[in-house]
């Protein structure tokens, strides 16, 4: 009996978090940190807002059908909210990916209102190939909302994406 409990605890300890668990695990975020020397050379002096996953998800959720947002625009919103010089590019990108996967996971569980992750583009209007379903699924969802998808080199992007950005 003791061995069974030990094995069960070991299995539970190694259980991978779901996307929804990752989305809801904010740890000590959001927070604002001073840019270090290396970061200052790249972005200038100041501070960087590091968002929580839920903060990124909340911004993505507000993008209405027919409109778009970019990771950089999300970063700008986060920086403004926290009175920081910039929003963190790494965590914002990672947390948008978590939000996208959590949306698909929630939909699979029967939730009706999911985060419209396909409306969040990379810089230059490029579709994020790492989001669930890859470029094909996102292109399909974007086209259903009236967007036109074009290929430029190796990238797929929304034509005239700048005109469709959410204010």
Protein backbone atom coordinates (compact mmCIF):
# COMPACT_ATOMS: atom_id res chain seq x y z
CA UNK A 1 0.00 0.00 0.00
CA UNK A 2 2.77 2.45 0.89
CA UNK A 3 4.49 1.75 -2.40
CA UNK A 4 1.28 2.50 -4.34
CA UNK A 5 0.88 5.90 -2.62
CA UNK A 6 4.53 6.72 -3.28
CA UNK A 7 4.16 5.83 -6.98
CA UNK A 8 0.94 7.87 -7.24
CA UNK A 9 2.64 10.93 -5.70
CA UNK A 10 5.58 10.53 -8.06
CA UNK A 11 3.25 10.42 -11.07
CA UNK A 12 1.33 13.49 -9.84
CA UNK A 13 4.58 15.40 -9.31
CA UNK A 14 5.68 14.79 -12.90
CA UNK A 15 2.26 15.55 -14.43
CA UNK A 16 2.56 18.25 -17.05
CA UNK A 17 0.55 21.44 -16.57
CA UNK A 18 -2.31 22.04 -18.96
CA UNK A 19 -2.33 25.18 -21.09
CA UNK A 20 -5.12 26.60 -18.92
CA UNK A 21 -3.02 25.96 -15.81
CA UNK A 22 -0.07 27.74 -17.44
CA UNK A 23 -2.33 30.65 -18.39
CA UNK A 24 -3.55 31.01 -14.82
CA UNK A 25 -0.08 30.65 -13.25
CA UNK A 26 1.01 34.28 -12.91
CA UNK A 27 3.78 33.60 -10.38
CA UNK A 28 5.03 37.05 -9.32
CA UNK A 29 3.88 38.83 -12.50
CA UNK A 30 3.21 41.47 -13.66
CA UNK A 31 6.21 43.47 -12.56
CA UNK A 32 8.37 46.33 -13.78
CA UNK A 33 12.15 46.02 -13.83
CA UNK A 34 14.94 48.41 -14.68
CA UNK A 35 16.61 47.66 -18.03
CA UNK A 36 20.11 46.27 -17.55
CA UNK A 37 23.12 47.47 -19.58
CA UNK A 38 22.65 44.97 -22.41
CA UNK A 39 18.91 45.71 -22.68
CA UNK A 40 19.59 49.47 -22.55
CA UNK A 41 21.92 49.18 -25.56
CA UNK A 42 19.09 47.57 -27.51
CA UNK A 43 16.05 49.54 -26.27
CA UNK A 44 17.44 52.61 -24.51
CA UNK A 45 17.40 53.45 -20.82
CA UNK A 46 14.31 52.92 -18.74
CA UNK A 47 12.09 50.17 -17.46
CA UNK A 48 10.46 47.05 -18.83
CA UNK A 49 7.01 45.77 -17.90
CA UNK A 50 6.87 42.00 -17.69
CA UNK A 51 3.21 40.99 -18.06
CA UNK A 52 1.37 38.06 -16.57
CA UNK A 53 -0.07 35.45 -18.95
CA UNK A 54 -3.60 36.57 -18.03
CA UNK A 55 -2.76 40.17 -18.88
CA UNK A 56 -1.67 39.20 -22.40
CA UNK A 57 -4.73 36.98 -22.78
CA UNK A 58 -7.01 39.81 -21.66
CA UNK A 59 -5.70 42.11 -24.40
CA UNK A 60 -6.00 39.37 -27.03
CA UNK A 61 -9.61 38.68 -25.96
CA UNK A 62 -10.63 42.28 -26.67
CA UNK A 63 -9.77 42.17 -30.39
CA UNK A 64 -13.11 42.14 -32.24
CA UNK A 65 -13.89 40.18 -35.39
CA UNK A 66 -12.44 41.88 -38.46
CA UNK A 67 -9.72 43.62 -36.44
CA UNK A 68 -6.13 42.65 -35.67
CA UNK A 69 -3.41 43.29 -33.13
CA UNK A 70 0.33 42.63 -33.18
CA UNK A 71 2.61 41.39 -30.44
CA UNK A 72 4.32 44.78 -30.54
CA UNK A 73 1.00 46.57 -30.01
CA UNK A 74 0.30 44.30 -27.03
CA UNK A 75 3.74 45.22 -25.66
CA UNK A 76 2.93 48.93 -26.07
CA UNK A 77 -0.34 48.52 -24.17
CA UNK A 78 1.42 46.67 -21.36
CA UNK A 79 4.17 49.30 -21.12
CA UNK A 80 1.58 52.11 -20.96
CA UNK A 81 -0.48 50.31 -18.33
CA UNK A 82 2.53 49.85 -16.06
CA UNK A 83 4.17 53.24 -16.84
CA UNK A 84 7.23 51.47 -18.24
CA UNK A 85 9.45 52.34 -21.19
CA UNK A 86 8.79 49.03 -22.98
CA UNK A 87 6.84 45.79 -22.64
CA UNK A 88 8.90 42.62 -22.52
CA UNK A 89 9.14 41.07 -26.01
CA UNK A 90 10.02 37.57 -24.81
CA UNK A 91 7.32 37.02 -22.18
CA UNK A 92 4.67 38.75 -24.29
CA UNK A 93 5.39 36.36 -27.17
CA UNK A 94 5.48 33.30 -24.93
CA UNK A 95 2.31 34.29 -23.10
CA UNK A 96 0.43 34.93 -26.37
CA UNK A 97 1.38 31.38 -27.41
CA UNK A 98 0.14 30.04 -24.06
CA UNK A 99 -3.11 32.03 -24.44
CA UNK A 100 -3.59 30.59 -27.95
CA UNK A 101 -3.12 27.01 -26.80
CA UNK A 102 -5.29 27.57 -23.71
CA UNK A 103 -8.06 28.90 -25.99
CA UNK A 104 -8.03 25.72 -28.06
CA UNK A 105 -7.91 23.62 -24.89
CA UNK A 106 -10.89 25.52 -23.43
CA UNK A 107 -12.84 25.08 -26.66
CA UNK A 108 -12.16 21.33 -26.59
CA UNK A 109 -13.64 21.32 -23.06
CA UNK A 110 -16.84 22.87 -24.40
CA UNK A 111 -16.26 26.52 -23.54
CA UNK A 112 -18.04 28.75 -26.04
CA UNK A 113 -16.16 32.06 -25.81
CA UNK A 114 -12.50 31.51 -26.62
CA UNK A 115 -9.65 33.98 -27.01
CA UNK A 116 -9.44 34.81 -30.75
CA UNK A 117 -5.70 34.12 -30.92
CA UNK A 118 -5.63 34.13 -34.75
CA UNK A 119 -6.18 37.92 -34.67
CA UNK A 120 -2.79 38.39 -32.98
CA UNK A 121 -0.05 38.74 -35.56
CA UNK A 122 3.71 39.02 -35.43
CA UNK A 123 5.52 42.17 -36.54
CA UNK A 124 4.72 43.17 -40.12
CA UNK A 125 1.33 41.44 -40.13
CA UNK A 126 2.89 37.97 -40.27
CA UNK A 127 0.79 34.99 -39.15
CA UNK A 128 2.33 33.17 -36.18
CA UNK A 129 3.20 29.66 -37.34
CA UNK A 130 3.54 28.45 -33.74
CA UNK A 131 -0.10 29.05 -32.85
CA UNK A 132 -2.45 26.03 -32.80
CA UNK A 133 -3.28 24.70 -36.25
CA UNK A 134 -0.32 26.49 -37.78
CA UNK A 135 -0.59 28.99 -40.61
CA UNK A 136 -3.32 27.01 -42.41
CA UNK A 137 -5.82 27.12 -39.53
CA UNK A 138 -5.18 30.77 -38.75
CA UNK A 139 -5.46 31.74 -42.42
CA UNK A 140 -8.80 29.94 -42.59
CA UNK A 141 -10.11 31.75 -39.48
CA UNK A 142 -8.82 35.12 -40.68
CA UNK A 143 -10.36 34.66 -44.13
CA UNK A 144 -13.71 33.84 -42.48
CA UNK A 145 -13.50 37.30 -40.91
CA UNK A 146 -12.86 39.03 -44.23
CA UNK A 147 -9.07 39.22 -44.25
CA UNK A 148 -7.04 38.39 -47.34
CA UNK A 149 -3.90 36.27 -46.81
CA UNK A 150 -0.82 36.67 -49.02
CA UNK A 151 2.57 35.02 -49.10
CA UNK A 152 5.67 37.23 -49.11
CA UNK A 153 8.81 35.15 -49.33
CA UNK A 154 8.58 32.44 -46.70
CA UNK A 155 6.02 34.36 -44.60
CA UNK A 156 2.24 34.38 -44.75
CA UNK A 157 0.63 37.64 -43.80
CA UNK A 158 -2.62 39.57 -43.78
CA UNK A 159 -2.86 41.95 -46.72
CA UNK A 160 -3.29 45.58 -45.60
CA UNK A 161 -3.05 44.49 -41.98
CA UNK A 162 -2.20 48.04 -40.83
CA UNK A 163 -5.68 49.22 -41.88
CA UNK A 164 -7.29 46.53 -39.72
CA UNK A 165 -5.37 47.19 -36.50
CA UNK A 166 -7.44 47.66 -33.39
CA UNK A 167 -7.16 51.18 -31.99
